[in-house]
Amino acid sequence: MSYDMLHLLMIETISHKGLRLYYEEGIGSKLPSDQLNKINRILDALDAVTNEEDIRALGSGIHKLSGNKKDFWAIKVSANYRIVFRLEAGNIYDVDYLDYH
């Protein structure tokens, strides 16, 4: 990836090792294969996010979390799995892939 391309990406940190490997190297072996297409679409969408309006425009299946995760958003990947992240200064941080159940 070129230096210019890196500046266009908004995802700064990914907590989940398998998700990070998929995002950085395209290796999806540590994620469910039946979810890779949706995960890829979500990561692409997060790369384009710069503010809360962009997040809300992603549509259904996304919501703001509460409690000790009040700074985070969650996007539904499947019935049990979510990608969670936080937005700070126009960039995405702490992206994680979680089983909610």
PDB file of N, CA and C in Angstrom:
ATOM      1  N   MET A   1       0.854  -1.175   0.000  1.00  0.00           N
ATOM      2  CA  MET A   1       0.000   0.000   0.000  1.00  0.00           C
ATOM      3  C   MET A   1       0.899   1.237   0.000  1.00  0.00           C
ATOM      4  N   SER A   2       0.548   2.213  -0.804  1.00  0.00           N
ATOM      5  CA  SER A   2       1.375   3.408  -0.911  1.00  0.00           C
ATOM      6  C   SER A   2       1.142   4.354   0.259  1.00  0.00           C
ATOM      7  N   TYR A   3       2.078   5.265   0.461  1.00  0.00           N
ATOM      8  CA  TYR A   3       1.977   6.266   1.526  1.00  0.00           C
ATOM      9  C   TYR A   3       0.704   7.094   1.367  1.00  0.00           C
ATOM     10  N   ASP A   4       0.375   7.518   0.140  1.00  0.00           N
ATOM     11  CA  ASP A   4      -0.832   8.314  -0.094  1.00  0.00           C
ATOM     12  C   ASP A   4      -2.088   7.537   0.268  1.00  0.00           C
ATOM     13  N   MET A   5      -2.112   6.260  -0.035  1.00  0.00           N
ATOM     14  CA  MET A   5      -3.263   5.431   0.265  1.00  0.00           C
ATOM     15  C   MET A   5      -3.467   5.327   1.774  1.00  0.00           C
ATOM     16  N   LEU A   6      -2.395   5.241   2.534  1.00  0.00           N
ATOM     17  CA  LEU A   6      -2.514   5.143   3.986  1.00  0.00           C
ATOM     18  C   LEU A   6      -3.204   6.367   4.569  1.00  0.00           C
ATOM     19  N   HIS A   7      -2.988   7.525   4.007  1.00  0.00           N
ATOM     20  CA  HIS A   7      -3.605   8.736   4.516  1.00  0.00           C
ATOM     21  C   HIS A   7      -5.112   8.791   4.258  1.00  0.00           C
ATOM     22  N   LEU A   8      -5.599   8.008   3.317  1.00  0.00           N
ATOM     23  CA  LEU A   8      -7.028   7.984   3.024  1.00  0.00           C
ATOM     24  C   LEU A   8      -7.791   7.086   3.988  1.00  0.00           C
ATOM     25  N   LEU A   9      -7.112   6.179   4.640  1.00  0.00           N
ATOM     26  CA  LEU A   9      -7.763   5.232   5.532  1.00  0.00           C
ATOM     27  C   LEU A   9      -8.018   5.860   6.886  1.00  0.00           C
ATOM     28  N   MET A  10      -9.194   5.611   7.434  1.00  0.00           N
ATOM     29  CA  MET A  10      -9.594   6.210   8.700  1.00  0.00           C
ATOM     30  C   MET A  10      -9.461   5.263   9.885  1.00  0.00           C
ATOM     31  N   ILE A  11      -9.289   3.970   9.629  1.00  0.00           N
ATOM     32  CA  ILE A  11      -9.126   3.020  10.732  1.00  0.00           C
ATOM     33  C   ILE A  11      -7.691   3.109  11.227  1.00  0.00           C
ATOM     34  N   GLU A  12      -7.529   3.493  12.486  1.00  0.00           N
ATOM     35  CA  GLU A  12      -6.206   3.664  13.078  1.00  0.00           C
ATOM     36  C   GLU A  12      -5.753   2.456  13.889  1.00  0.00           C
ATOM     37  N   THR A  13      -6.652   1.865  14.699  1.00  0.00           N
ATOM     38  CA  THR A  13      -6.276   0.715  15.524  1.00  0.00           C
ATOM     39  C   THR A  13      -7.350  -0.362  15.484  1.00  0.00           C
ATOM     40  N   ILE A  14      -6.896  -1.613  15.464  1.00  0.00           N
ATOM     41  CA  ILE A  14      -7.790  -2.780  15.483  1.00  0.00           C
ATOM     42  C   ILE A  14      -7.326  -3.683  16.619  1.00  0.00           C
ATOM     43  N   SER A  15      -8.215  -3.959  17.560  1.00  0.00           N
ATOM     44  CA  SER A  15      -7.891  -4.777  18.731  1.00  0.00           C
ATOM     45  C   SER A  15      -7.870  -6.276  18.424  1.00  0.00           C
ATOM     46  N   HIS A  16      -8.826  -6.743  17.650  1.00  0.00           N
ATOM     47  CA  HIS A  16      -8.973  -8.170  17.351  1.00  0.00           C
ATOM     48  C   HIS A  16      -7.883  -8.601  16.368  1.00  0.00           C
ATOM     49  N   LYS A  17      -7.068  -9.583  16.762  1.00  0.00           N
ATOM     50  CA  LYS A  17      -5.928 -10.009  15.945  1.00  0.00           C
ATOM     51  C   LYS A  17      -6.344 -10.539  14.574  1.00  0.00           C
ATOM     52  N   GLY A  18      -7.397 -11.339  14.538  1.00  0.00           N
ATOM     53  CA  GLY A  18      -7.862 -11.892  13.267  1.00  0.00           C
ATOM     54  C   GLY A  18      -8.397 -10.817  12.340  1.00  0.00           C
ATOM     55  N   LEU A  19      -9.108  -9.868  12.897  1.00  0.00           N
ATOM     56  CA  LEU A  19      -9.643  -8.753  12.118  1.00  0.00           C
ATOM     57  C   LEU A  19      -8.506  -7.884  11.578  1.00  0.00           C
ATOM     58  N   ARG A  20      -7.506  -7.641  12.412  1.00  0.00           N
ATOM     59  CA  ARG A  20      -6.343  -6.847  11.997  1.00  0.00           C
ATOM     60  C   ARG A  20      -5.599  -7.556  10.864  1.00  0.00           C
ATOM     61  N   LEU A  21      -5.411  -8.864  10.965  1.00  0.00           N
ATOM     62  CA  LEU A  21      -4.737  -9.641   9.928  1.00  0.00           C
ATOM     63  C   LEU A  21      -5.513  -9.555   8.611  1.00  0.00           C
ATOM     64  N   TYR A  22      -6.824  -9.629   8.690  1.00  0.00           N
ATOM     65  CA  TYR A  22      -7.662  -9.535   7.493  1.00  0.00           C
ATOM     66  C   TYR A  22      -7.581  -8.137   6.885  1.00  0.00           C
ATOM     67  N   TYR A  23      -7.656  -7.116   7.711  1.00  0.00           N
ATOM     68  CA  TYR A  23      -7.614  -5.727   7.246  1.00  0.00           C
ATOM     69  C   TYR A  23      -6.258  -5.376   6.637  1.00  0.00           C
ATOM     70  N   GLU A  24      -5.189  -5.768   7.287  1.00  0.00           N
ATOM     71  CA  GLU A  24      -3.853  -5.377   6.852  1.00  0.00           C
ATOM     72  C   GLU A  24      -3.278  -6.263   5.757  1.00  0.00           C
ATOM     73  N   GLU A  25      -3.606  -7.566   5.775  1.00  0.00           N
ATOM     74  CA  GLU A  25      -2.962  -8.493   4.847  1.00  0.00           C
ATOM     75  C   GLU A  25      -3.936  -9.293   3.992  1.00  0.00           C
ATOM     76  N   GLY A  26      -5.252  -9.136   4.237  1.00  0.00           N
ATOM     77  CA  GLY A  26      -6.228  -9.861   3.444  1.00  0.00           C
ATOM     78  C   GLY A  26      -6.343 -11.328   3.792  1.00  0.00           C
ATOM     79  N   ILE A  27      -5.819 -11.716   4.955  1.00  0.00           N
ATOM     80  CA  ILE A  27      -5.865 -13.112   5.388  1.00  0.00           C
ATOM     81  C   ILE A  27      -7.028 -13.275   6.367  1.00  0.00           C
ATOM     82  N   GLY A  28      -8.042 -14.019   5.949  1.00  0.00           N
ATOM     83  CA  GLY A  28      -9.247 -14.166   6.757  1.00  0.00           C
ATOM     84  C   GLY A  28      -9.356 -15.482   7.490  1.00  0.00           C
ATOM     85  N   SER A  29      -8.268 -16.213   7.629  1.00  0.00           N
ATOM     86  CA  SER A  29      -8.311 -17.551   8.220  1.00  0.00           C
ATOM     87  C   SER A  29      -8.716 -17.570   9.692  1.00  0.00           C
ATOM     88  N   LYS A  30      -8.623 -16.460  10.393  1.00  0.00           N
ATOM     89  CA  LYS A  30      -8.967 -16.412  11.820  1.00  0.00           C
ATOM     90  C   LYS A  30     -10.378 -15.853  12.055  1.00  0.00           C
ATOM     91  N   LEU A  31     -11.149 -15.695  10.963  1.00  0.00           N
ATOM     92  CA  LEU A  31     -12.524 -15.203  11.042  1.00  0.00           C
ATOM     93  C   LEU A  31     -13.434 -16.211  10.353  1.00  0.00           C
ATOM     94  N   PRO A  32     -14.719 -16.234  10.720  1.00  0.00           N
ATOM     95  CA  PRO A  32     -15.644 -17.155  10.043  1.00  0.00           C
ATOM     96  C   PRO A  32     -15.737 -16.832   8.549  1.00  0.00           C
ATOM     97  N   SER A  33     -15.492 -17.820   7.703  1.00  0.00           N
ATOM     98  CA  SER A  33     -15.463 -17.591   6.254  1.00  0.00           C
ATOM     99  C   SER A  33     -16.801 -17.095   5.720  1.00  0.00           C
ATOM    100  N   ASP A  34     -17.907 -17.524   6.340  1.00  0.00           N
ATOM    101  CA  ASP A  34     -19.214 -17.082   5.859  1.00  0.00           C
ATOM    102  C   ASP A  34     -19.511 -15.614   6.203  1.00  0.00           C
ATOM    103  N   GLN A  35     -18.670 -14.968   7.009  1.00  0.00           N
ATOM    104  CA  GLN A  35     -18.869 -13.570   7.387  1.00  0.00           C
ATOM    105  C   GLN A  35     -17.867 -12.623   6.724  1.00  0.00           C
ATOM    106  N   LEU A  36     -16.904 -13.158   5.970  1.00  0.00           N
ATOM    107  CA  LEU A  36     -15.838 -12.324   5.417  1.00  0.00           C
ATOM    108  C   LEU A  36     -16.345 -11.235   4.477  1.00  0.00           C
ATOM    109  N   ASN A  37     -17.317 -11.541   3.634  1.00  0.00           N
ATOM    110  CA  ASN A  37     -17.832 -10.512   2.723  1.00  0.00           C
ATOM    111  C   ASN A  37     -18.444  -9.353   3.491  1.00  0.00           C
ATOM    112  N   LYS A  38     -19.241  -9.661   4.493  1.00  0.00           N
ATOM    113  CA  LYS A  38     -19.864  -8.596   5.273  1.00  0.00           C
ATOM    114  C   LYS A  38     -18.820  -7.831   6.083  1.00  0.00           C
ATOM    115  N   ILE A  39     -17.879  -8.537   6.679  1.00  0.00           N
ATOM    116  CA  ILE A  39     -16.809  -7.881   7.435  1.00  0.00           C
ATOM    117  C   ILE A  39     -16.029  -6.942   6.514  1.00  0.00           C
ATOM    118  N   ASN A  40     -15.742  -7.387   5.306  1.00  0.00           N
ATOM    119  CA  ASN A  40     -15.025  -6.545   4.350  1.00  0.00           C
ATOM    120  C   ASN A  40     -15.814  -5.273   4.026  1.00  0.00           C
ATOM    121  N   ARG A  41     -17.119  -5.400   3.806  1.00  0.00           N
ATOM    122  CA  ARG A  41     -17.961  -4.223   3.522  1.00  0.00           C
ATOM    123  C   ARG A  41     -17.975  -3.263   4.714  1.00  0.00           C
ATOM    124  N   ILE A  42     -18.024  -3.800   5.918  1.00  0.00           N
ATOM    125  CA  ILE A  42     -18.024  -2.958   7.119  1.00  0.00           C
ATOM    126  C   ILE A  42     -16.692  -2.218   7.255  1.00  0.00           C
ATOM    127  N   LEU A  43     -15.588  -2.915   7.066  1.00  0.00           N
ATOM    128  CA  LEU A  43     -14.277  -2.266   7.166  1.00  0.00           C
ATOM    129  C   LEU A  43     -14.107  -1.186   6.097  1.00  0.00           C
ATOM    130  N   ASP A  44     -14.573  -1.468   4.887  1.00  0.00           N
ATOM    131  CA  ASP A  44     -14.528  -0.452   3.824  1.00  0.00           C
ATOM    132  C   ASP A  44     -15.340   0.770   4.216  1.00  0.00           C
ATOM    133  N   ALA A  45     -16.526   0.538   4.784  1.00  0.00           N
ATOM    134  CA  ALA A  45     -17.381   1.651   5.201  1.00  0.00           C
ATOM    135  C   ALA A  45     -16.725   2.450   6.324  1.00  0.00           C
ATOM    136  N   LEU A  46     -16.092   1.762   7.275  1.00  0.00           N
ATOM    137  CA  LEU A  46     -15.433   2.467   8.375  1.00  0.00           C
ATOM    138  C   LEU A  46     -14.261   3.310   7.876  1.00  0.00           C
ATOM    139  N   ASP A  47     -13.596   2.857   6.823  1.00  0.00           N
ATOM    140  CA  ASP A  47     -12.506   3.650   6.247  1.00  0.00           C
ATOM    141  C   ASP A  47     -12.996   4.981   5.683  1.00  0.00           C
ATOM    142  N   ALA A  48     -14.282   5.063   5.359  1.00  0.00           N
ATOM    143  CA  ALA A  48     -14.838   6.287   4.777  1.00  0.00           C
ATOM    144  C   ALA A  48     -15.475   7.206   5.818  1.00  0.00           C
ATOM    145  N   VAL A  49     -15.612   6.738   7.051  1.00  0.00           N
ATOM    146  CA  VAL A  49     -16.273   7.497   8.114  1.00  0.00           C
ATOM    147  C   VAL A  49     -15.360   8.618   8.624  1.00  0.00           C
ATOM    148  N   THR A  50     -15.951   9.819   8.771  1.00  0.00           N
ATOM    149  CA  THR A  50     -15.196  10.932   9.359  1.00  0.00           C
ATOM    150  C   THR A  50     -15.955  11.620  10.486  1.00  0.00           C
ATOM    151  N   ASN A  51     -17.263  11.281  10.654  1.00  0.00           N
ATOM    152  CA  ASN A  51     -18.060  11.913  11.706  1.00  0.00           C
ATOM    153  C   ASN A  51     -19.263  11.030  12.046  1.00  0.00           C
ATOM    154  N   GLU A  52     -20.005  11.432  13.072  1.00  0.00           N
ATOM    155  CA  GLU A  52     -21.155  10.628  13.513  1.00  0.00           C
ATOM    156  C   GLU A  52     -22.240  10.532  12.452  1.00  0.00           C
ATOM    157  N   GLU A  53     -22.414  11.563  11.645  1.00  0.00           N
ATOM    158  CA  GLU A  53     -23.415  11.515  10.579  1.00  0.00           C
ATOM    159  C   GLU A  53     -23.079  10.410   9.580  1.00  0.00           C
ATOM    160  N   ASP A  54     -21.783  10.249   9.282  1.00  0.00           N
ATOM    161  CA  ASP A  54     -21.358   9.164   8.393  1.00  0.00           C
ATOM    162  C   ASP A  54     -21.702   7.804   8.994  1.00  0.00           C
ATOM    163  N   ILE A  55     -21.506   7.674  10.298  1.00  0.00           N
ATOM    164  CA  ILE A  55     -21.824   6.411  10.976  1.00  0.00           C
ATOM    165  C   ILE A  55     -23.318   6.136  10.881  1.00  0.00           C
ATOM    166  N   ARG A  56     -24.120   7.122  11.206  1.00  0.00           N
ATOM    167  CA  ARG A  56     -25.579   6.943  11.161  1.00  0.00           C
ATOM    168  C   ARG A  56     -26.064   6.616   9.747  1.00  0.00           C
ATOM    169  N   ALA A  57     -25.381   7.138   8.748  1.00  0.00           N
ATOM    170  CA  ALA A  57     -25.762   6.899   7.354  1.00  0.00           C
ATOM    171  C   ALA A  57     -25.497   5.458   6.919  1.00  0.00           C
ATOM    172  N   LEU A  58     -24.744   4.697   7.709  1.00  0.00           N
ATOM    173  CA  LEU A  58     -24.473   3.304   7.368  1.00  0.00           C
ATOM    174  C   LEU A  58     -25.735   2.455   7.437  1.00  0.00           C
ATOM    175  N   GLY A  59     -26.781   2.962   8.100  1.00  0.00           N
ATOM    176  CA  GLY A  59     -28.078   2.290   8.082  1.00  0.00           C
ATOM    177  C   GLY A  59     -28.374   1.438   9.287  1.00  0.00           C
ATOM    178  N   SER A  60     -29.298   0.510   9.072  1.00  0.00           N
ATOM    179  CA  SER A  60     -29.743  -0.341  10.170  1.00  0.00           C
ATOM    180  C   SER A  60     -28.634  -1.292  10.590  1.00  0.00           C
ATOM    181  N   GLY A  61     -28.760  -1.801  11.786  1.00  0.00           N
ATOM    182  CA  GLY A  61     -27.757  -2.719  12.301  1.00  0.00           C
ATOM    183  C   GLY A  61     -26.605  -2.018  12.993  1.00  0.00           C
ATOM    184  N   ILE A  62     -26.709  -0.687  13.148  1.00  0.00           N
ATOM    185  CA  ILE A  62     -25.664   0.060  13.838  1.00  0.00           C
ATOM    186  C   ILE A  62     -26.280   0.830  14.990  1.00  0.00           C
ATOM    187  N   HIS A  63     -25.596   0.845  16.114  1.00  0.00           N
ATOM    188  CA  HIS A  63     -26.124   1.591  17.257  1.00  0.00           C
ATOM    189  C   HIS A  63     -24.984   2.009  18.186  1.00  0.00           C
ATOM    190  N   LYS A  64     -25.246   3.044  18.939  1.00  0.00           N
ATOM    191  CA  LYS A  64     -24.304   3.548  19.939  1.00  0.00           C
ATOM    192  C   LYS A  64     -24.439   2.674  21.185  1.00  0.00           C
ATOM    193  N   LEU A  65     -23.327   2.365  21.820  1.00  0.00           N
ATOM    194  CA  LEU A  65     -23.356   1.552  23.041  1.00  0.00           C
ATOM    195  C   LEU A  65     -23.509   2.457  24.260  1.00  0.00           C
ATOM    196  N   SER A  66     -23.727   1.843  25.415  1.00  0.00           N
ATOM    197  CA  SER A  66     -23.920   2.611  26.647  1.00  0.00           C
ATOM    198  C   SER A  66     -23.043   2.036  27.752  1.00  0.00           C
ATOM    199  N   GLY A  67     -23.163   2.608  28.927  1.00  0.00           N
ATOM    200  CA  GLY A  67     -22.384   2.135  30.072  1.00  0.00           C
ATOM    201  C   GLY A  67     -20.904   2.408  29.900  1.00  0.00           C
ATOM    202  N   ASN A  68     -20.084   1.415  30.257  1.00  0.00           N
ATOM    203  CA  ASN A  68     -18.636   1.613  30.163  1.00  0.00           C
ATOM    204  C   ASN A  68     -18.135   1.617  28.714  1.00  0.00           C
ATOM    205  N   LYS A  69     -19.008   1.345  27.760  1.00  0.00           N
ATOM    206  CA  LYS A  69     -18.670   1.383  26.326  1.00  0.00           C
ATOM    207  C   LYS A  69     -19.393   2.537  25.630  1.00  0.00           C
ATOM    208  N   LYS A  70     -19.754   3.583  26.376  1.00  0.00           N
ATOM    209  CA  LYS A  70     -20.566   4.670  25.831  1.00  0.00           C
ATOM    210  C   LYS A  70     -19.913   5.426  24.679  1.00  0.00           C
ATOM    211  N   ASP A  71     -18.611   5.329  24.531  1.00  0.00           N
ATOM    212  CA  ASP A  71     -17.918   5.986  23.432  1.00  0.00           C
ATOM    213  C   ASP A  71     -17.849   5.115  22.179  1.00  0.00           C
ATOM    214  N   PHE A  72     -18.412   3.913  22.250  1.00  0.00           N
ATOM    215  CA  PHE A  72     -18.323   2.955  21.156  1.00  0.00           C
ATOM    216  C   PHE A  72     -19.625   2.829  20.376  1.00  0.00           C
ATOM    217  N   TRP A  73     -19.493   2.409  19.136  1.00  0.00           N
ATOM    218  CA  TRP A  73     -20.597   2.056  18.257  1.00  0.00           C
ATOM    219  C   TRP A  73     -20.483   0.570  17.957  1.00  0.00           C
ATOM    220  N   ALA A  74     -21.598  -0.065  17.585  1.00  0.00           N
ATOM    221  CA  ALA A  74     -21.587  -1.479  17.201  1.00  0.00           C
ATOM    222  C   ALA A  74     -22.326  -1.640  15.875  1.00  0.00           C
ATOM    223  N   ILE A  75     -21.770  -2.484  15.016  1.00  0.00           N
ATOM    224  CA  ILE A  75     -22.400  -2.835  13.738  1.00  0.00           C
ATOM    225  C   ILE A  75     -22.635  -4.339  13.743  1.00  0.00           C
ATOM    226  N   LYS A  76     -23.847  -4.734  13.410  1.00  0.00           N
ATOM    227  CA  LYS A  76     -24.211  -6.149  13.384  1.00  0.00           C
ATOM    228  C   LYS A  76     -23.556  -6.846  12.190  1.00  0.00           C
ATOM    229  N   VAL A  77     -22.845  -7.945  12.478  1.00  0.00           N
ATOM    230  CA  VAL A  77     -22.261  -8.779  11.436  1.00  0.00           C
ATOM    231  C   VAL A  77     -23.155  -9.997  11.213  1.00  0.00           C
ATOM    232  N   SER A  78     -23.611 -10.588  12.315  1.00  0.00           N
ATOM    233  CA  SER A  78     -24.513 -11.747  12.269  1.00  0.00           C
ATOM    234  C   SER A  78     -25.388 -11.691  13.514  1.00  0.00           C
ATOM    235  N   ALA A  79     -26.185 -12.722  13.721  1.00  0.00           N
ATOM    236  CA  ALA A  79     -27.062 -12.743  14.891  1.00  0.00           C
ATOM    237  C   ALA A  79     -26.287 -12.559  16.192  1.00  0.00           C
ATOM    238  N   ASN A  80     -25.117 -13.149  16.292  1.00  0.00           N
ATOM    239  CA  ASN A  80     -24.332 -13.083  17.526  1.00  0.00           C
ATOM    240  C   ASN A  80     -23.152 -12.121  17.484  1.00  0.00           C
ATOM    241  N   TYR A  81     -22.630 -11.824  16.319  1.00  0.00           N
ATOM    242  CA  TYR A  81     -21.383 -11.070  16.236  1.00  0.00           C
ATOM    243  C   TYR A  81     -21.576  -9.612  15.837  1.00  0.00           C
ATOM    244  N   ARG A  82     -20.730  -8.763  16.432  1.00  0.00           N
ATOM    245  CA  ARG A  82     -20.726  -7.330  16.142  1.00  0.00           C
ATOM    246  C   ARG A  82     -19.290  -6.866  15.943  1.00  0.00           C
ATOM    247  N   ILE A  83     -19.138  -5.836  15.131  1.00  0.00           N
ATOM    248  CA  ILE A  83     -17.889  -5.096  15.070  1.00  0.00           C
ATOM    249  C   ILE A  83     -18.132  -3.826  15.851  1.00  0.00           C
ATOM    250  N   VAL A  84     -17.308  -3.578  16.857  1.00  0.00           N
ATOM    251  CA  VAL A  84     -17.436  -2.381  17.682  1.00  0.00           C
ATOM    252  C   VAL A  84     -16.219  -1.487  17.438  1.00  0.00           C
ATOM    253  N   PHE A  85     -16.421  -0.201  17.628  1.00  0.00           N
ATOM    254  CA  PHE A  85     -15.357   0.772  17.370  1.00  0.00           C
ATOM    255  C   PHE A  85     -15.719   2.089  18.020  1.00  0.00           C
ATOM    256  N   ARG A  86     -14.742   2.989  18.069  1.00  0.00           N
ATOM    257  CA  ARG A  86     -15.023   4.334  18.532  1.00  0.00           C
ATOM    258  C   ARG A  86     -14.463   5.322  17.526  1.00  0.00           C
ATOM    259  N   LEU A  87     -15.100   6.471  17.455  1.00  0.00           N
ATOM    260  CA  LEU A  87     -14.704   7.556  16.559  1.00  0.00           C
ATOM    261  C   LEU A  87     -14.071   8.657  17.384  1.00  0.00           C
ATOM    262  N   GLU A  88     -12.898   9.097  16.964  1.00  0.00           N
ATOM    263  CA  GLU A  88     -12.221  10.189  17.657  1.00  0.00           C
ATOM    264  C   GLU A  88     -11.481  11.026  16.622  1.00  0.00           C
ATOM    265  N   ALA A  89     -11.779  12.307  16.591  1.00  0.00           N
ATOM    266  CA  ALA A  89     -11.105  13.261  15.693  1.00  0.00           C
ATOM    267  C   ALA A  89     -11.119  12.798  14.238  1.00  0.00           C
ATOM    268  N   GLY A  90     -12.249  12.230  13.807  1.00  0.00           N
ATOM    269  CA  GLY A  90     -12.397  11.820  12.416  1.00  0.00           C
ATOM    270  C   GLY A  90     -11.760  10.501  12.047  1.00  0.00           C
ATOM    271  N   ASN A  91     -11.227   9.785  13.023  1.00  0.00           N
ATOM    272  CA  ASN A  91     -10.612   8.481  12.774  1.00  0.00           C
ATOM    273  C   ASN A  91     -11.281   7.405  13.620  1.00  0.00           C
ATOM    274  N   ILE A  92     -11.120   6.163  13.194  1.00  0.00           N
ATOM    275  CA  ILE A  92     -11.714   5.014  13.870  1.00  0.00           C
ATOM    276  C   ILE A  92     -10.632   4.302  14.685  1.00  0.00           C
ATOM    277  N   TYR A  93     -10.964   3.992  15.937  1.00  0.00           N
ATOM    278  CA  TYR A  93     -10.022   3.347  16.856  1.00  0.00           C
ATOM    279  C   TYR A  93     -10.666   2.148  17.538  1.00  0.00           C
ATOM    280  N   ASP A  94      -9.818   1.270  18.047  1.00  0.00           N
ATOM    281  CA  ASP A  94     -10.226   0.143  18.890  1.00  0.00           C
ATOM    282  C   ASP A  94     -11.293  -0.734  18.237  1.00  0.00           C
ATOM    283  N   VAL A  95     -11.133  -1.006  16.947  1.00  0.00           N
ATOM    284  CA  VAL A  95     -12.075  -1.868  16.234  1.00  0.00           C
ATOM    285  C   VAL A  95     -11.924  -3.278  16.794  1.00  0.00           C
ATOM    286  N   ASP A  96     -13.048  -3.890  17.139  1.00  0.00           N
ATOM    287  CA  ASP A  96     -13.017  -5.232  17.706  1.00  0.00           C
ATOM    288  C   ASP A  96     -14.150  -6.050  17.108  1.00  0.00           C
ATOM    289  N   TYR A  97     -14.011  -7.352  17.142  1.00  0.00           N
ATOM    290  CA  TYR A  97     -14.994  -8.305  16.631  1.00  0.00           C
ATOM    291  C   TYR A  97     -15.444  -9.132  17.826  1.00  0.00           C
ATOM    292  N   LEU A  98     -16.710  -8.980  18.231  1.00  0.00           N
ATOM    293  CA  LEU A  98     -17.185  -9.573  19.488  1.00  0.00           C
ATOM    294  C   LEU A  98     -18.405 -10.471  19.302  1.00  0.00           C
ATOM    295  N   ASP A  99     -18.453 -11.521  20.118  1.00  0.00           N
ATOM    296  CA  ASP A  99     -19.630 -12.358  20.225  1.00  0.00           C
ATOM    297  C   ASP A  99     -20.478 -11.785  21.362  1.00  0.00           C
ATOM    298  N   TYR A 100     -21.641 -11.255  21.029  1.00  0.00           N
ATOM    299  CA  TYR A 100     -22.508 -10.620  22.015  1.00  0.00           C
ATOM    300  C   TYR A 100     -23.226 -11.607  22.912  1.00  0.00           C
ATOM    301  N   HIS A 101     -23.240 -12.888  22.558  1.00  0.00           N
ATOM    302  CA  HIS A 101     -24.027 -13.851  23.349  1.00  0.00           C
ATOM    303  C   HIS A 101     -23.167 -14.932  23.933  1.00  0.00           C
TER     304      HIS A 101
END
